[in-house]
Amino acid sequence: MTTSIQELARLAKVSPRTLRYYDQIGLLPAKRNPQNGYREYDARAVDRLQMIRYFQLFGFSLTAIQELLDQSSARQTAALAQQRQRLLDERDHLTTLLTTLDRTLAARNGGPQMTDSEKFSAFKQQQLTTNDREFGQEARERYGTASVAASQRRFAALSEIDYQAMQTCEQRLLTNLKTVAQSGDMTSDLARQVFDDHKTWLCFTWNNYSPATHRGLAELYLSDDRFTSYYNDRVGLSNATATLVTLIQHYAQ
């Protein structure tokens, strides 16, 4: 059984022009009716279009979708499962945010007051969601799903005192990193302080610290532009991340 281009367009909520374009670029090849030459689609093509529409909703480019659909079925399923987890994380964040907001409104109207930890739970969840969206896949590939999940749980469970201490530690790190990056002195007391602060900052969420893992993270900072820009953007210098990596490689022994 086949589906016409008009029927498939209505079903998938896209235009026939879009389907023709997908056919032209090889993203969704159509069969041709031998009698009239019209485009037709079998069940396999319908399933492929469903995958295309899913990954479009997830923000994938057509090129990325084409590359993914050329891979094995297992790889495609894994990609869908990963996107599902991200949706669950987003849902959990929104639920936490709504709960916190409702309790804040209730407290402002004379209801039960919130603890300091409860007041900031939504912001911690937002940070977790953002970090996972930007860096989660790479972290899981390097350290494993279990390690990443444990780190996320550790961060979510931070007390308000520890959470604020973590933020203070990172801010001091950024301030001192700028000075070291400008001076180029990698052996000063301040340079050592930058390394120590970075290690301390990691240990707020890492269950098991090791110098080797720290150096591995430094390699990741330079191998991916998103990681590189994290410190460069926050410090405001193009050599900030490279400076931090040099310090980690020097002191993490």
Protein backbone atom coordinates (compact mmCIF):
# COMPACT_ATOMS: atom_id res chain seq x y z
CA MET A 1 0.00 0.00 0.00
CA THR A 2 1.30 3.42 -0.94
CA THR A 3 0.39 6.98 0.03
CA SER A 4 0.19 9.88 -2.40
CA ILE A 5 2.23 13.00 -1.87
CA GLN A 6 -0.92 15.02 -1.09
CA GLU A 7 -2.11 12.48 1.48
CA LEU A 8 1.29 12.30 3.16
CA ALA A 9 1.59 16.08 3.23
CA ARG A 10 -1.77 16.37 5.01
CA LEU A 11 -0.87 13.59 7.43
CA ALA A 12 2.53 15.05 8.36
CA LYS A 13 1.39 18.69 8.32
CA VAL A 14 3.93 19.71 5.69
CA SER A 15 3.48 21.01 2.16
CA PRO A 16 3.80 18.86 -0.98
CA ARG A 17 6.54 21.27 -2.02
CA THR A 18 8.51 20.30 1.09
CA LEU A 19 8.15 16.60 0.28
CA ARG A 20 9.30 17.22 -3.28
CA TYR A 21 12.35 19.03 -1.92
CA TYR A 22 13.09 16.15 0.46
CA ASP A 23 12.92 13.82 -2.53
CA GLN A 24 15.27 16.00 -4.57
CA ILE A 25 17.96 16.09 -1.86
CA GLY A 26 17.63 12.38 -1.08
CA LEU A 27 16.29 12.88 2.43
CA LEU A 28 12.96 11.19 1.69
CA PRO A 29 13.11 9.41 -1.68
CA ALA A 30 9.74 8.80 -3.30
CA LYS A 31 8.67 6.01 -5.62
CA ARG A 32 7.04 6.84 -8.93
CA ASN A 33 3.69 5.51 -10.05
CA PRO A 34 4.46 3.64 -13.30
CA GLN A 35 1.18 4.79 -14.85
CA ASN A 36 1.28 8.54 -14.23
CA GLY A 37 4.75 9.25 -12.79
CA TYR A 38 3.35 10.75 -9.56
CA ARG A 39 5.32 10.48 -6.35
CA GLU A 40 4.17 7.76 -3.94
CA TYR A 41 5.37 6.68 -0.51
CA ASP A 42 5.37 3.23 1.06
CA ALA A 43 5.14 2.42 4.79
CA ARG A 44 8.90 2.61 5.18
CA ALA A 45 8.95 6.15 3.78
CA VAL A 46 6.13 7.18 6.14
CA ASP A 47 8.16 5.91 9.08
CA ARG A 48 11.21 7.79 7.80
CA LEU A 49 9.21 11.01 7.57
CA GLN A 50 8.08 10.54 11.15
CA MET A 51 11.74 10.39 12.18
CA ILE A 52 12.50 13.49 10.13
CA ARG A 53 9.67 15.43 11.79
CA TYR A 54 10.78 14.29 15.25
CA PHE A 55 14.35 15.43 14.78
CA GLN A 56 13.22 18.71 13.27
CA LEU A 57 11.26 19.38 16.45
CA PHE A 58 14.43 18.64 18.41
CA GLY A 59 16.34 21.28 16.43
CA PHE A 60 18.38 19.05 14.12
CA SER A 61 19.38 20.48 10.74
CA LEU A 62 18.38 18.62 7.58
CA THR A 63 22.03 17.69 7.05
CA ALA A 64 22.29 16.25 10.56
CA ILE A 65 19.02 14.35 10.07
CA GLN A 66 20.27 12.89 6.80
CA GLU A 67 23.47 11.72 8.47
CA LEU A 68 21.52 10.19 11.35
CA LEU A 69 19.05 8.38 9.11
CA ASP A 70 21.95 6.89 7.17
CA GLN A 71 23.13 5.19 10.37
CA SER A 72 21.88 1.99 11.92
CA SER A 73 18.41 1.59 13.38
CA ALA A 74 19.99 1.10 16.82
CA ARG A 75 21.80 4.45 16.54
CA GLN A 76 18.56 6.18 15.54
CA THR A 77 16.71 4.60 18.44
CA ALA A 78 19.46 5.73 20.82
CA ALA A 79 19.17 9.27 19.48
CA LEU A 80 15.41 9.24 20.04
CA ALA A 81 15.89 7.91 23.57
CA GLN A 82 18.36 10.69 24.29
CA GLN A 83 15.90 13.31 23.10
CA ARG A 84 13.20 11.71 25.24
CA GLN A 85 15.43 12.05 28.28
CA ARG A 86 15.99 15.71 27.49
CA LEU A 87 12.24 16.25 27.29
CA LEU A 88 11.83 14.53 30.65
CA ASP A 89 14.50 16.79 32.11
CA GLU A 90 12.73 19.84 30.71
CA ARG A 91 9.44 18.61 32.16
CA ASP A 92 11.03 18.04 35.55
CA HIS A 93 12.52 21.51 35.47
CA LEU A 94 9.18 23.12 34.63
CA THR A 95 7.49 21.10 37.38
CA THR A 96 10.11 22.24 39.89
CA LEU A 97 9.81 25.83 38.71
CA LEU A 98 6.01 25.81 38.99
CA THR A 99 6.14 24.21 42.44
CA THR A 100 8.68 26.74 43.68
CA LEU A 101 6.71 29.62 42.21
CA ASP A 102 3.46 28.40 43.79
CA ARG A 103 5.14 28.09 47.18
CA THR A 104 6.70 31.54 46.77
CA LEU A 105 3.31 33.05 45.99
CA ALA A 106 1.76 31.21 48.94
CA ALA A 107 4.49 32.48 51.28
CA ARG A 108 4.03 36.05 50.06
CA ASN A 109 0.32 35.72 50.81
CA GLY A 110 0.90 34.62 54.39
CA GLY A 111 1.28 30.90 53.86
CA PRO A 112 4.09 28.57 55.03
CA GLN A 113 7.53 30.08 54.60
CA MET A 114 10.20 28.39 52.47
CA THR A 115 13.64 27.34 53.60
CA ASP A 116 16.62 28.96 51.88
CA SER A 117 17.37 25.69 50.09
CA GLU A 118 13.82 25.47 48.73
CA LYS A 119 13.99 29.05 47.47
CA PHE A 120 16.87 28.19 45.15
CA SER A 121 15.95 24.66 44.06
CA ALA A 122 14.44 25.83 40.76
CA PHE A 123 17.58 27.73 39.83
CA LYS A 124 19.77 24.70 40.46
CA GLN A 125 17.45 22.63 38.27
CA GLN A 126 17.67 25.25 35.52
CA GLN A 127 21.46 25.09 35.64
CA LEU A 128 21.36 21.31 35.45
CA THR A 129 19.04 21.40 32.45
CA THR A 130 21.11 23.99 30.61
CA ASN A 131 24.40 22.19 31.24
CA ASP A 132 22.94 18.87 30.15
CA ARG A 133 21.53 20.37 26.96
CA GLU A 134 24.87 21.91 26.02
CA PHE A 135 27.38 19.36 27.29
CA GLY A 136 25.48 16.25 28.40
CA GLN A 137 26.07 14.06 25.36
CA GLU A 138 29.82 14.60 25.33
CA ALA A 139 30.06 14.06 29.09
CA ARG A 140 28.16 10.76 28.89
CA GLU A 141 30.33 9.53 26.04
CA ARG A 142 33.50 10.32 27.99
CA TYR A 143 32.50 9.46 31.56
CA GLY A 144 29.46 7.21 31.19
CA THR A 145 25.77 7.74 31.93
CA ALA A 146 26.02 6.55 35.54
CA SER A 147 28.79 9.01 36.42
CA VAL A 148 26.97 11.95 34.85
CA ALA A 149 23.72 11.05 36.61
CA ALA A 150 25.53 10.77 39.95
CA SER A 151 27.12 14.16 39.44
CA GLN A 152 23.75 15.71 38.62
CA ARG A 153 22.19 14.20 41.75
CA ARG A 154 25.05 15.50 43.86
CA PHE A 155 24.59 19.02 42.47
CA ALA A 156 20.81 18.92 42.97
CA ALA A 157 21.31 17.86 46.59
CA LEU A 158 23.71 20.69 47.46
CA SER A 159 22.67 22.67 50.50
CA GLU A 160 22.16 26.39 50.08
CA ILE A 161 25.46 27.02 51.88
CA ASP A 162 27.35 24.66 49.55
CA TYR A 163 25.56 26.02 46.49
CA GLN A 164 26.59 29.57 47.34
CA ALA A 165 30.12 28.39 48.14
CA MET A 166 30.30 26.76 44.72
CA GLN A 167 29.22 30.00 43.01
CA THR A 168 31.72 32.02 45.04
CA CYS A 169 34.49 29.56 44.19
CA GLU A 170 33.77 29.83 40.47
CA GLN A 171 33.64 33.61 40.55
CA ARG A 172 37.03 33.77 42.32
CA LEU A 173 38.35 31.29 39.76
CA LEU A 174 37.23 33.48 36.85
CA THR A 175 38.66 36.65 38.38
CA ASN A 176 42.05 35.10 39.06
CA LEU A 177 42.12 33.25 35.74
CA LYS A 178 41.86 36.57 33.94
CA THR A 179 44.90 37.89 35.80
CA VAL A 180 46.95 34.76 35.09
CA ALA A 181 45.90 34.69 31.42
CA GLN A 182 47.01 38.29 31.04
CA SER A 183 50.33 37.80 32.81
CA GLY A 184 51.19 34.42 31.36
CA ASP A 185 52.80 33.37 34.65
CA MET A 186 51.83 29.74 35.17
CA THR A 187 53.93 29.16 38.29
CA SER A 188 52.74 31.98 40.56
CA ASP A 189 50.77 31.47 43.75
CA LEU A 190 47.76 32.91 41.95
CA ALA A 191 48.13 30.36 39.16
CA ARG A 192 48.14 27.58 41.74
CA GLN A 193 45.05 29.14 43.35
CA VAL A 194 43.24 29.00 40.00
CA PHE A 195 43.96 25.29 39.72
CA ASP A 196 42.93 24.64 43.34
CA ASP A 197 39.68 26.56 42.83
CA HIS A 198 38.90 24.63 39.68
CA LYS A 199 39.50 21.36 41.50
CA THR A 200 37.35 22.49 44.43
CA TRP A 201 34.60 23.62 42.05
CA LEU A 202 34.59 20.20 40.37
CA CYS A 203 34.49 18.36 43.68
CA PHE A 204 31.19 20.00 44.57
CA THR A 205 29.63 17.62 42.04
CA TRP A 206 32.24 14.92 41.37
CA ASN A 207 31.92 11.87 43.58
CA ASN A 208 35.44 10.62 42.84
CA TYR A 209 38.14 13.09 41.87
CA SER A 210 41.36 11.95 40.23
CA PRO A 211 44.15 13.94 38.51
CA ALA A 212 43.78 11.78 35.41
CA THR A 213 40.08 12.59 35.11
CA HIS A 214 40.85 16.26 35.67
CA ARG A 215 43.39 16.22 32.84
CA GLY A 216 40.88 14.38 30.64
CA LEU A 217 38.38 17.15 31.22
CA ALA A 218 41.03 19.69 30.23
CA GLU A 219 41.47 17.90 26.92
CA LEU A 220 37.74 18.16 26.35
CA TYR A 221 37.89 21.90 27.00
CA LEU A 222 40.12 22.31 23.96
CA SER A 223 38.61 19.69 21.65
CA ASP A 224 35.11 21.22 21.49
CA ASP A 225 34.40 24.87 20.72
CA ARG A 226 31.48 24.95 23.15
CA PHE A 227 33.72 23.93 26.02
CA THR A 228 36.45 26.30 24.91
CA SER A 229 34.07 29.24 24.80
CA TYR A 230 32.77 28.55 28.34
CA TYR A 231 35.76 30.14 30.07
CA ASN A 232 36.78 32.44 27.22
CA ASP A 233 33.37 34.09 27.26
CA ARG A 234 33.12 34.38 31.05
CA VAL A 235 36.62 35.74 31.50
CA GLY A 236 36.51 37.92 28.39
CA LEU A 237 39.84 36.72 26.99
CA SER A 238 40.45 34.44 24.02
CA ASN A 239 43.24 32.57 25.83
CA ALA A 240 41.43 31.98 29.13
CA THR A 241 40.53 28.34 28.47
CA ALA A 242 43.97 27.54 27.08
CA THR A 243 45.51 29.07 30.20
CA LEU A 244 43.28 26.99 32.47
CA VAL A 245 44.14 23.83 30.54
CA THR A 246 47.84 24.55 30.90
CA LEU A 247 47.42 24.97 34.66
CA ILE A 248 45.48 21.71 34.95
CA GLN A 249 48.07 19.81 32.94
CA HIS A 250 50.84 21.29 35.12
CA TYR A 251 49.32 20.82 38.57
CA ALA A 252 47.04 17.77 38.19
CA GLN A 253 49.75 15.18 38.75
